[in-house]
Protein backbone atom coordinates (compact mmCIF):
# COMPACT_ATOMS: atom_id res chain seq x y z
CA MET A 1 0.00 0.00 0.00
CA THR A 2 1.32 3.47 -0.90
CA ASP A 3 1.94 6.07 1.78
CA PRO A 4 -0.85 8.64 2.23
CA VAL A 5 -0.22 11.84 0.27
CA VAL A 6 0.97 14.80 2.35
CA THR A 7 1.42 18.19 0.66
CA ARG A 8 2.32 21.47 2.27
CA PHE A 9 1.89 25.16 1.61
CA ALA A 10 4.85 27.04 3.08
CA PRO A 11 4.64 30.84 2.60
CA SER A 12 7.11 33.38 4.01
CA PRO A 13 5.21 35.98 6.06
CA THR A 14 6.95 39.02 4.58
CA GLY A 15 3.79 40.41 2.91
CA PHE A 16 0.25 39.53 1.86
CA LEU A 17 -0.84 36.20 0.36
CA HIS A 18 -0.18 37.09 -3.27
CA ILE A 19 -2.02 35.57 -6.21
CA GLY A 20 0.82 33.20 -7.13
CA GLY A 21 0.94 31.91 -3.56
CA ALA A 22 -2.83 31.41 -3.57
CA ARG A 23 -2.57 29.29 -6.73
CA THR A 24 0.26 27.21 -5.17
CA ALA A 25 -1.91 26.65 -2.08
CA LEU A 26 -4.84 25.65 -4.31
CA PHE A 27 -2.76 23.14 -6.30
CA ASN A 28 -1.43 21.57 -3.06
CA TRP A 29 -4.96 21.45 -1.63
CA LEU A 30 -6.47 19.86 -4.75
CA TYR A 31 -3.72 17.26 -5.04
CA ALA A 32 -4.14 16.23 -1.39
CA LYS A 33 -7.97 16.20 -1.59
CA LYS A 34 -8.02 14.06 -4.74
CA ARG A 35 -5.84 11.43 -3.10
CA GLY A 36 -7.52 11.45 0.29
CA GLY A 37 -4.37 12.98 1.81
CA LYS A 38 -3.52 16.05 3.88
CA MET A 39 -2.35 19.57 3.13
CA LEU A 40 -0.23 21.03 5.94
CA LEU A 41 0.50 24.71 6.50
CA ARG A 42 3.97 25.89 7.49
CA ILE A 43 4.86 29.54 8.01
CA GLU A 44 8.51 30.02 7.01
CA ASP A 45 9.31 32.81 9.44
CA THR A 46 13.06 32.26 9.79
CA ASP A 47 13.76 35.74 8.33
CA ARG A 48 13.06 37.50 11.61
CA GLU A 49 13.61 41.02 10.28
CA ARG A 50 11.08 40.72 7.46
CA SER A 51 8.50 38.36 9.00
CA THR A 52 5.53 40.17 10.55
CA GLU A 53 2.48 39.19 12.58
CA ALA A 54 0.28 41.22 10.19
CA ALA A 55 1.56 39.19 7.22
CA ILE A 56 0.87 35.90 9.05
CA LEU A 57 -2.72 37.02 9.73
CA ALA A 58 -3.14 38.13 6.09
CA ILE A 59 -2.00 34.69 4.88
CA LEU A 60 -4.31 32.80 7.26
CA ASP A 61 -7.26 35.10 6.45
CA GLY A 62 -6.62 34.79 2.71
CA LEU A 63 -6.60 30.98 2.85
CA LYS A 64 -9.76 30.92 4.98
CA TRP A 65 -11.55 33.31 2.61
CA LEU A 66 -10.56 31.13 -0.37
CA GLU A 67 -11.93 28.16 1.63
CA LEU A 68 -8.62 26.30 1.41
CA ASP A 69 -8.51 24.52 4.74
CA TRP A 70 -5.32 22.93 6.01
CA ASP A 71 -4.90 19.90 8.25
CA GLY A 72 -3.62 20.09 11.80
CA GLU A 73 -1.98 23.03 13.54
CA VAL A 74 -0.02 25.73 11.71
CA ILE A 75 3.70 24.96 11.98
CA TYR A 76 6.07 27.89 12.50
CA GLN A 77 9.52 27.21 11.14
CA PHE A 78 11.39 29.51 13.53
CA SER A 79 10.10 27.55 16.56
CA ARG A 80 11.91 24.47 15.20
CA ALA A 81 15.39 26.06 15.10
CA ALA A 82 16.77 23.71 17.79
CA ARG A 83 15.79 20.69 15.67
CA HIS A 84 17.46 22.24 12.59
CA ARG A 85 20.67 22.80 14.60
CA GLU A 86 20.57 19.21 15.81
CA VAL A 87 20.50 17.94 12.18
CA ALA A 88 23.40 20.24 11.22
CA GLU A 89 25.43 18.79 14.14
CA GLN A 90 24.48 15.29 13.00
CA LEU A 91 25.86 16.03 9.50
CA LEU A 92 29.01 17.42 11.09
CA ALA A 93 29.47 14.27 13.20
CA SER A 94 29.02 12.00 10.14
CA GLY A 95 31.61 13.92 8.11
CA ARG A 96 28.96 15.16 5.65
CA ALA A 97 29.43 18.76 6.79
CA TYR A 98 32.32 20.89 8.08
CA ARG A 99 33.06 24.08 9.96
CA CYS A 100 34.04 27.03 7.79
CA TYR A 101 36.00 29.97 9.22
CA ALA A 102 36.22 32.06 6.02
CA THR A 103 35.97 35.80 6.76
CA PRO A 104 33.48 38.07 4.92
CA GLU A 105 36.47 39.60 3.07
CA GLN A 106 37.70 36.18 1.92
CA LEU A 107 34.20 35.23 0.78
CA ASN A 108 33.87 38.47 -1.23
CA GLU A 109 37.22 37.81 -2.85
CA MET A 110 36.14 34.26 -3.80
CA ARG A 111 32.88 35.59 -5.24
CA GLU A 112 34.61 38.18 -7.41
CA LYS A 113 37.19 35.66 -8.60
CA ALA A 114 34.46 33.14 -9.53
CA ARG A 115 32.44 35.83 -11.35
CA ALA A 116 35.47 36.93 -13.32
CA ALA A 117 36.06 33.30 -14.36
CA GLY A 118 32.35 32.90 -15.27
CA LYS A 119 31.79 30.25 -12.60
CA THR A 120 28.58 29.71 -10.63
CA ARG A 121 30.36 27.95 -7.75
CA PHE A 122 31.52 30.85 -5.57
CA TYR A 123 32.97 29.14 -2.53
CA ASP A 124 36.37 27.56 -3.22
CA GLY A 125 36.22 24.96 -0.42
CA MET A 126 39.11 26.52 1.56
CA TRP A 127 37.93 24.96 4.88
CA ARG A 128 36.57 21.75 3.41
CA ASP A 129 39.48 19.47 4.38
CA ARG A 130 41.44 21.76 6.67
CA ASP A 131 42.91 20.43 9.91
CA PRO A 132 40.88 21.60 12.95
CA SER A 133 44.21 22.69 14.57
CA GLU A 134 44.28 25.61 12.10
CA THR A 135 41.05 27.03 13.54
CA PRO A 136 41.38 30.80 14.19
CA ALA A 137 40.74 31.78 17.82
CA GLY A 138 37.58 33.67 18.79
CA MET A 139 35.77 33.23 15.48
CA LYS A 140 32.37 31.56 15.22
CA PRO A 141 32.28 29.27 12.18
CA THR A 142 29.45 28.54 9.81
CA ILE A 143 28.61 24.90 9.12
CA ARG A 144 28.69 23.97 5.41
CA LEU A 145 27.47 20.90 3.60
CA LYS A 146 30.26 18.79 2.08
CA ALA A 147 28.59 18.64 -1.34
CA PRO A 148 29.75 16.20 -4.05
CA LEU A 149 32.39 17.78 -6.32
CA THR A 150 31.77 15.55 -9.33
CA GLY A 151 28.81 13.84 -10.98
CA GLU A 152 25.26 15.16 -11.27
CA THR A 153 22.33 16.10 -9.07
CA VAL A 154 19.07 15.04 -10.72
CA ILE A 155 15.45 15.94 -9.94
CA GLU A 156 12.67 13.94 -11.60
CA ASP A 157 10.06 16.69 -11.63
CA GLN A 158 6.38 15.90 -12.30
CA ILE A 159 5.99 19.13 -14.29
CA GLN A 160 9.47 20.06 -15.53
CA GLY A 161 10.56 16.50 -16.31
CA ARG A 162 14.14 15.38 -15.62
CA VAL A 163 16.29 18.33 -14.47
CA VAL A 164 20.07 17.89 -14.17
CA TRP A 165 22.78 20.01 -12.51
CA GLN A 166 26.51 19.40 -12.69
CA ASN A 167 27.81 19.14 -9.13
CA GLU A 168 30.97 21.07 -9.98
CA ASN A 169 28.68 24.15 -10.36
CA LEU A 170 26.99 23.83 -6.96
CA ASP A 171 28.44 25.36 -3.79
CA ASP A 172 29.04 23.79 -0.39
CA LEU A 173 26.04 25.58 0.98
CA VAL A 174 25.81 27.02 4.49
CA LEU A 175 23.56 25.00 6.80
CA LEU A 176 24.14 26.93 10.02
CA ARG A 177 25.24 30.55 10.25
CA GLY A 178 27.96 31.79 12.55
CA ASP A 179 25.37 32.90 15.12
CA GLY A 180 23.90 29.37 15.17
CA THR A 181 20.76 30.17 13.18
CA PRO A 182 19.80 27.59 10.54
CA THR A 183 19.52 28.60 6.90
CA TYR A 184 16.32 28.34 4.89
CA MET A 185 17.73 25.43 2.82
CA LEU A 186 18.37 23.26 5.86
CA ALA A 187 15.12 24.24 7.63
CA VAL A 188 12.96 23.32 4.62
CA VAL A 189 14.50 19.86 4.25
CA VAL A 190 14.25 19.02 7.96
CA ASP A 191 10.68 20.33 8.23
CA ASP A 192 9.46 18.52 5.12
CA HIS A 193 11.04 15.29 6.39
CA ASP A 194 9.71 15.61 9.94
CA MET A 195 6.22 16.58 8.70
CA GLY A 196 6.10 13.49 6.46
CA VAL A 197 5.66 15.57 3.29
CA THR A 198 5.41 13.25 0.28
CA HIS A 199 4.87 15.87 -2.46
CA VAL A 200 6.47 19.32 -2.74
CA ILE A 201 4.44 21.51 -5.12
CA ARG A 202 5.77 25.07 -5.47
CA GLY A 203 6.78 27.80 -7.94
CA ASP A 204 9.57 27.11 -10.42
CA ASP A 205 11.59 29.97 -8.88
CA HIS A 206 12.46 27.25 -6.31
CA LEU A 207 13.87 24.85 -8.91
CA ILE A 208 17.54 25.64 -8.12
CA ASN A 209 16.66 25.16 -4.42
CA ALA A 210 15.52 21.64 -5.27
CA ALA A 211 19.06 20.74 -6.41
CA ARG A 212 20.60 22.10 -3.21
CA GLN A 213 17.96 20.45 -1.04
CA LYS A 214 18.43 17.11 -2.83
CA GLN A 215 22.09 17.20 -1.76
CA ILE A 216 21.02 17.67 1.87
CA TYR A 217 18.54 14.77 1.61
CA ASP A 218 21.29 12.57 0.14
CA ALA A 219 23.76 13.52 2.87
CA LEU A 220 21.18 12.58 5.51
CA GLY A 221 20.15 9.35 3.77
CA TRP A 222 16.53 10.53 3.65
CA ASP A 223 14.09 9.95 0.78
CA ILE A 224 13.34 13.10 -1.19
CA PRO A 225 9.65 13.96 -1.69
CA SER A 226 8.16 13.99 -5.19
CA MET A 227 8.94 17.42 -6.70
CA SER A 228 6.66 19.57 -8.88
CA HIS A 229 7.70 23.08 -9.88
CA ILE A 230 4.91 25.23 -11.32
CA PRO A 231 5.74 27.93 -13.90
CA LEU A 232 5.14 31.44 -12.56
CA ILE A 233 2.24 33.69 -13.54
CA HIS A 234 3.00 36.46 -16.04
CA GLY A 235 1.06 39.55 -17.07
CA PRO A 236 -1.09 39.60 -20.23
CA ASP A 237 1.91 40.97 -22.18
CA GLY A 238 4.11 38.03 -21.14
CA SER A 239 6.27 40.07 -18.75
CA LYS A 240 6.72 39.32 -15.05
CA LEU A 241 3.49 39.84 -13.14
CA SER A 242 3.37 43.33 -11.62
CA LYS A 243 0.75 45.15 -9.57
CA ARG A 244 -0.83 46.68 -12.68
CA HIS A 245 -1.29 43.15 -14.07
CA GLY A 246 -2.83 41.71 -10.92
CA ALA A 247 0.12 40.87 -8.62
CA LEU A 248 -1.97 41.84 -5.63
CA GLY A 249 -2.84 40.20 -2.38
CA VAL A 250 -5.85 37.92 -2.13
CA ASP A 251 -7.36 40.56 0.19
CA ALA A 252 -7.30 43.04 -2.73
CA TYR A 253 -9.38 40.67 -4.88
CA ARG A 254 -11.80 40.30 -2.01
CA ALA A 255 -12.02 44.09 -1.73
CA MET A 256 -12.62 44.36 -5.49
CA GLY A 257 -15.69 42.17 -5.08
CA TYR A 258 -14.60 38.79 -6.41
CA LEU A 259 -16.23 35.66 -5.03
CA PRO A 260 -13.89 33.04 -3.51
CA ALA A 261 -15.35 30.28 -5.73
CA ALA A 262 -14.76 32.39 -8.87
CA LEU A 263 -11.18 33.20 -7.89
CA ARG A 264 -10.47 29.52 -7.14
CA ASN A 265 -11.92 28.55 -10.53
CA TYR A 266 -9.85 31.23 -12.27
CA LEU A 267 -6.63 30.23 -10.49
CA VAL A 268 -7.01 26.52 -11.24
CA ARG A 269 -7.12 27.34 -14.96
CA LEU A 270 -3.91 29.40 -14.76
CA GLY A 271 -1.44 26.88 -16.11
CA TRP A 272 -3.61 23.76 -15.72
CA SER A 273 -6.22 22.59 -18.18
CA HIS A 274 -8.75 19.83 -18.54
CA GLY A 275 -9.86 19.76 -22.17
CA ASP A 276 -11.81 22.91 -23.03
CA GLN A 277 -13.65 23.06 -19.72
CA GLU A 278 -13.58 26.55 -18.17
CA ILE A 279 -16.11 26.31 -15.32
CA PHE A 280 -15.42 23.85 -12.51
CA SER A 281 -17.27 23.15 -9.31
CA THR A 282 -14.95 22.43 -6.38
CA GLN A 283 -15.64 18.71 -6.67
CA GLU A 284 -14.98 18.72 -10.42
CA MET A 285 -11.63 20.41 -9.77
CA ILE A 286 -10.69 17.80 -7.18
CA ASP A 287 -11.71 14.93 -9.47
CA ALA A 288 -9.90 16.24 -12.55
CA PHE A 289 -6.73 17.82 -11.12
CA ASP A 290 -3.37 16.22 -11.76
CA LEU A 291 0.19 17.55 -11.82
CA PRO A 292 1.35 16.35 -15.27
CA ALA A 293 -1.51 18.37 -16.83
CA ILE A 294 0.18 21.61 -15.70
CA GLY A 295 1.95 23.28 -18.63
CA ARG A 296 5.67 24.13 -18.57
CA SER A 297 5.26 27.68 -19.82
CA ALA A 298 4.17 30.66 -17.72
CA ALA A 299 0.43 31.29 -17.44
CA ARG A 300 -0.87 34.75 -18.36
CA PHE A 301 -3.10 36.66 -15.97
CA ASP A 302 -6.18 38.17 -17.63
CA PHE A 303 -8.41 40.50 -15.59
CA ALA A 304 -11.18 40.52 -18.23
CA LYS A 305 -11.40 36.72 -18.07
CA LEU A 306 -11.53 36.79 -14.26
CA GLU A 307 -14.28 39.43 -14.36
CA ASN A 308 -16.38 37.45 -16.82
CA LEU A 309 -15.97 34.31 -14.73
CA ASN A 310 -16.92 36.22 -11.58
CA GLY A 311 -20.02 37.56 -13.38
CA HIS A 312 -20.98 33.96 -14.19
CA TYR A 313 -20.61 32.95 -10.52
CA ILE A 314 -22.66 35.94 -9.37
CA ARG A 315 -25.48 35.09 -11.81
CA GLN A 316 -25.48 31.44 -10.66
CA ALA A 317 -25.27 32.24 -6.94
CA ASP A 318 -28.12 31.64 -4.52
CA ASP A 319 -29.68 35.03 -3.68
CA ARG A 320 -29.40 34.60 0.09
CA GLU A 321 -25.78 33.48 -0.20
CA LEU A 322 -25.10 36.51 -2.40
CA LEU A 323 -26.64 38.76 0.22
CA LYS A 324 -24.15 37.35 2.77
CA GLN A 325 -21.25 38.04 0.37
CA PHE A 326 -22.69 41.52 -0.27
CA GLU A 327 -22.61 42.27 3.46
CA SER A 328 -19.11 40.84 3.89
CA VAL A 329 -17.62 43.24 1.36
CA LEU A 330 -19.27 46.47 2.60
CA ASP A 331 -16.18 47.32 4.67
CA TYR A 332 -14.21 47.66 1.44
CA VAL A 333 -16.37 50.15 -0.48
CA PRO A 334 -16.36 53.93 0.00
CA GLU A 335 -20.16 54.08 0.16
CA GLY A 336 -20.24 50.94 2.29
CA VAL A 337 -20.06 52.89 5.55
CA ASP A 338 -23.50 54.41 4.95
CA LEU A 339 -24.95 51.18 3.64
CA LYS A 340 -23.83 49.16 6.67
CA ALA A 341 -25.73 51.44 9.03
CA LYS A 342 -28.84 51.10 6.86
CA LEU A 343 -28.88 47.31 6.71
CA ASN A 344 -31.98 46.12 8.53
CA ASP A 345 -34.79 43.61 7.97
CA THR A 346 -36.55 45.95 5.52
CA THR A 347 -33.51 46.74 3.35
CA ARG A 348 -32.37 43.11 3.43
CA ALA A 349 -35.80 42.04 2.17
CA GLN A 350 -35.59 44.70 -0.56
CA LEU A 351 -32.13 43.49 -1.54
CA LEU A 352 -33.36 39.92 -1.81
CA ARG A 353 -36.25 41.08 -4.01
CA ALA A 354 -33.86 43.07 -6.21
CA MET A 355 -31.18 40.36 -6.37
CA PRO A 356 -32.40 38.52 -9.52
CA SER A 357 -32.27 41.79 -11.44
CA LEU A 358 -29.10 43.14 -9.77
CA LYS A 359 -27.01 40.05 -10.39
CA GLU A 360 -27.75 39.97 -14.12
CA ARG A 361 -25.86 43.25 -14.53
CA ALA A 362 -22.93 42.86 -12.10
CA LYS A 363 -19.53 41.29 -12.69
CA THR A 364 -18.28 42.01 -9.15
CA LEU A 365 -19.85 42.48 -5.72
CA ILE A 366 -18.80 46.13 -5.89
CA GLU A 367 -20.89 46.54 -9.05
CA LEU A 368 -23.71 44.72 -7.27
CA ILE A 369 -23.50 47.18 -4.37
CA SER A 370 -23.41 50.12 -6.77
CA GLY A 371 -26.51 48.76 -8.56
CA ALA A 372 -28.32 48.37 -5.23
CA TYR A 373 -27.50 51.87 -4.03
CA PHE A 374 -31.01 53.15 -4.94
CA ILE A 375 -32.44 51.01 -2.10
CA PHE A 376 -30.38 52.87 0.52
CA ALA A 377 -30.44 56.39 -0.94
CA ASP A 378 -31.77 59.21 1.25
CA ARG A 379 -34.41 61.64 0.04
CA PRO A 380 -34.10 64.00 -1.69
CA LEU A 381 -31.85 61.91 -3.93
CA GLN A 382 -28.41 63.09 -4.91
CA ILE A 383 -28.68 63.20 -8.70
CA GLU A 384 -25.58 62.29 -10.73
CA ALA A 385 -24.47 65.00 -13.18
CA LYS A 386 -25.41 62.93 -16.25
CA ALA A 387 -28.86 62.25 -14.82
CA ALA A 388 -29.35 65.88 -13.70
CA ALA A 389 -28.84 67.03 -17.30
CA LEU A 390 -31.98 65.10 -18.25
CA LEU A 391 -34.13 66.87 -15.64
CA THR A 392 -35.43 69.68 -17.85
CA PRO A 393 -38.66 71.53 -16.92
CA GLU A 394 -40.47 69.36 -19.53
CA THR A 395 -39.10 66.16 -17.98
CA ARG A 396 -40.08 67.28 -14.48
CA ALA A 397 -43.62 67.97 -15.73
CA LEU A 398 -43.70 64.49 -17.28
CA ILE A 399 -42.52 62.97 -13.97
CA GLY A 400 -45.47 64.70 -12.25
CA ARG A 401 -47.89 63.12 -14.73
CA LEU A 402 -46.23 59.70 -14.37
CA ARG A 403 -46.63 59.99 -10.61
CA ALA A 404 -50.34 60.69 -10.99
CA ALA A 405 -50.73 57.61 -13.22
CA LEU A 406 -48.86 55.43 -10.71
CA GLU A 407 -50.83 56.79 -7.76
CA ALA A 408 -53.86 55.02 -9.20
CA VAL A 409 -52.11 51.64 -8.83
CA THR A 410 -53.17 50.07 -5.54
CA ASP A 411 -51.98 46.47 -6.04
CA TRP A 412 -48.31 47.51 -6.36
CA ARG A 413 -46.20 44.94 -8.21
CA ALA A 414 -43.75 44.98 -11.14
CA GLU A 415 -46.54 43.71 -13.44
CA THR A 416 -49.15 46.27 -12.39
CA THR A 417 -46.78 49.26 -12.51
CA GLU A 418 -45.55 48.13 -15.93
CA ALA A 419 -49.13 47.88 -17.21
CA ALA A 420 -49.84 51.42 -15.91
CA MET A 421 -46.72 52.85 -17.58
CA ARG A 422 -47.38 51.09 -20.90
CA ASN A 423 -50.92 52.41 -20.81
CA PHE A 424 -49.65 55.94 -20.06
CA ALA A 425 -47.11 55.78 -22.91
CA GLU A 426 -49.77 54.57 -25.37
CA GLN A 427 -52.28 57.25 -24.39
CA ASN A 428 -49.63 59.99 -24.71
CA ASN A 429 -48.19 58.61 -27.96
CA LEU A 430 -44.79 58.01 -26.31
CA LYS A 431 -42.33 55.15 -26.58
CA LEU A 432 -41.83 53.19 -23.35
CA GLY A 433 -38.17 54.35 -23.19
CA ALA A 434 -39.31 57.99 -23.06
CA VAL A 435 -41.24 57.07 -19.91
CA ALA A 436 -38.69 54.67 -18.35
CA GLN A 437 -35.68 57.04 -18.36
CA PRO A 438 -37.32 59.95 -16.46
CA LEU A 439 -38.66 57.37 -13.96
CA ARG A 440 -35.16 55.92 -13.56
CA VAL A 441 -33.58 59.33 -12.91
CA ALA A 442 -36.27 60.31 -10.41
CA LEU A 443 -36.20 57.00 -8.53
CA THR A 444 -32.46 56.23 -8.53
CA GLY A 445 -30.66 59.51 -9.29
CA ARG A 446 -28.75 57.68 -12.06
CA THR A 447 -29.07 56.96 -15.77
CA THR A 448 -28.49 53.22 -15.31
CA SER A 449 -30.19 50.85 -12.89
CA PRO A 450 -31.79 47.43 -12.74
CA GLY A 451 -35.03 47.13 -14.78
CA ILE A 452 -37.22 50.10 -13.91
CA PHE A 453 -40.25 47.96 -13.04
CA ASP A 454 -38.07 45.93 -10.67
CA VAL A 455 -36.98 49.24 -9.08
CA LEU A 456 -40.63 50.26 -8.64
CA ASP A 457 -41.44 46.87 -7.11
CA VAL A 458 -38.45 46.85 -4.72
CA LEU A 459 -38.87 50.42 -3.42
CA GLY A 460 -42.60 50.03 -2.86
CA ARG A 461 -45.50 52.40 -3.53
CA GLU A 462 -44.99 54.96 -0.77
CA GLU A 463 -41.24 55.52 -1.39
CA CYS A 464 -41.67 55.66 -5.19
CA LEU A 465 -44.46 58.24 -5.05
CA ALA A 466 -42.43 60.34 -2.57
CA ARG A 467 -39.29 60.26 -4.76
CA LEU A 468 -41.32 61.14 -7.88
CA ALA A 469 -42.92 64.03 -6.02
CA ASP A 470 -39.46 65.36 -5.06
CA GLN A 471 -38.34 65.55 -8.72
CA ALA A 472 -41.69 66.68 -10.13
CA ALA A 473 -41.63 69.66 -7.79
CA GLY A 474 -38.03 70.42 -8.89
């Protein structure tokens, strides 16, 4: 029987959970779910100067919002430093590592010499086989791996295929710094081993790290996990993803009004494909996902595609669920402050009534909120400049007549108000549009809104007649 699959997501808490990190987490989560395994979460906080509590919270919040749950407790790498030191000492005792007393000046000199000769191996091994009696007094050494000088280091990668490095080009890397703190390379290997990680799935910017880490695994006699290095995400123009392209934190996408399910669906299709299928339920993703189906070239981020996908998810969403999402994003919108105070049983019921019409027009929750603003607007309405231009004396007079026609409607529904307005238009030899637009401006203060008969229905008789009276009077 094969060992259960264990993946891990291991971000560094030096900033938000960026979009590339979210996709890596998703791929790890899907792979583990498909195989009935576990996805563990490790915070790689060994860089004490750059790691922050705020970044840790942003990562945890981002994963929770995306509904990517991890198994077990969060593991913090820094708290395991004593274990990392113990392994470095073990390598020292077995002769697979050595103490290095090279000074910063000597190391700089080696680096410059190697660069001038066009070599990638910077360290010249000056302390590799030195007699301990030559140790300089009062200097704290680093501990370096005694890496093989000849032959090859090979990674059989599930995405990249067979990747080979010549050992003569790889340094004796530092495992423990002079102050006794472990390096990232050592910490990752020890943690992955101790956590029972069977599959390492990460960005291909870590590919060179895989070679170095393989040498540590070999020195310890440990089995290396299966490796999969995902190509990075590029902008639409093929250049490295920048903020203008979408290299933002997951929290920014939340603030822009994207649904977690839509963002997950978009991310899974960045670099991975399953025939021509674009829309995936979570279960469909789990069932279909596999590592060899990830392409080797960089995926291109496309905001328009994400928006269209999000619009699809909004249209398909359950109205009550959408109302919850609507409320959750109010903190992020400028007009949200007012709206939050006005959320009550009445406005929630109005929102639910308006939802079928609102969601047909919105690609994001922010657009949904903007479309629903007429529900919360105070009287007299603030009229947008474009709408105000339509409020001529003739239009105001027409609004007064429309109000009189609507006042006669007692059974107030979308159907009955529509019948009254069609009747009015016919009797006055007007097209329905010539009636609908003045109504829209008077009732919403804007030139665009959900269907005008839906607006009439949602606001109710009393509020509609009051708003029409405001504009008819001028």
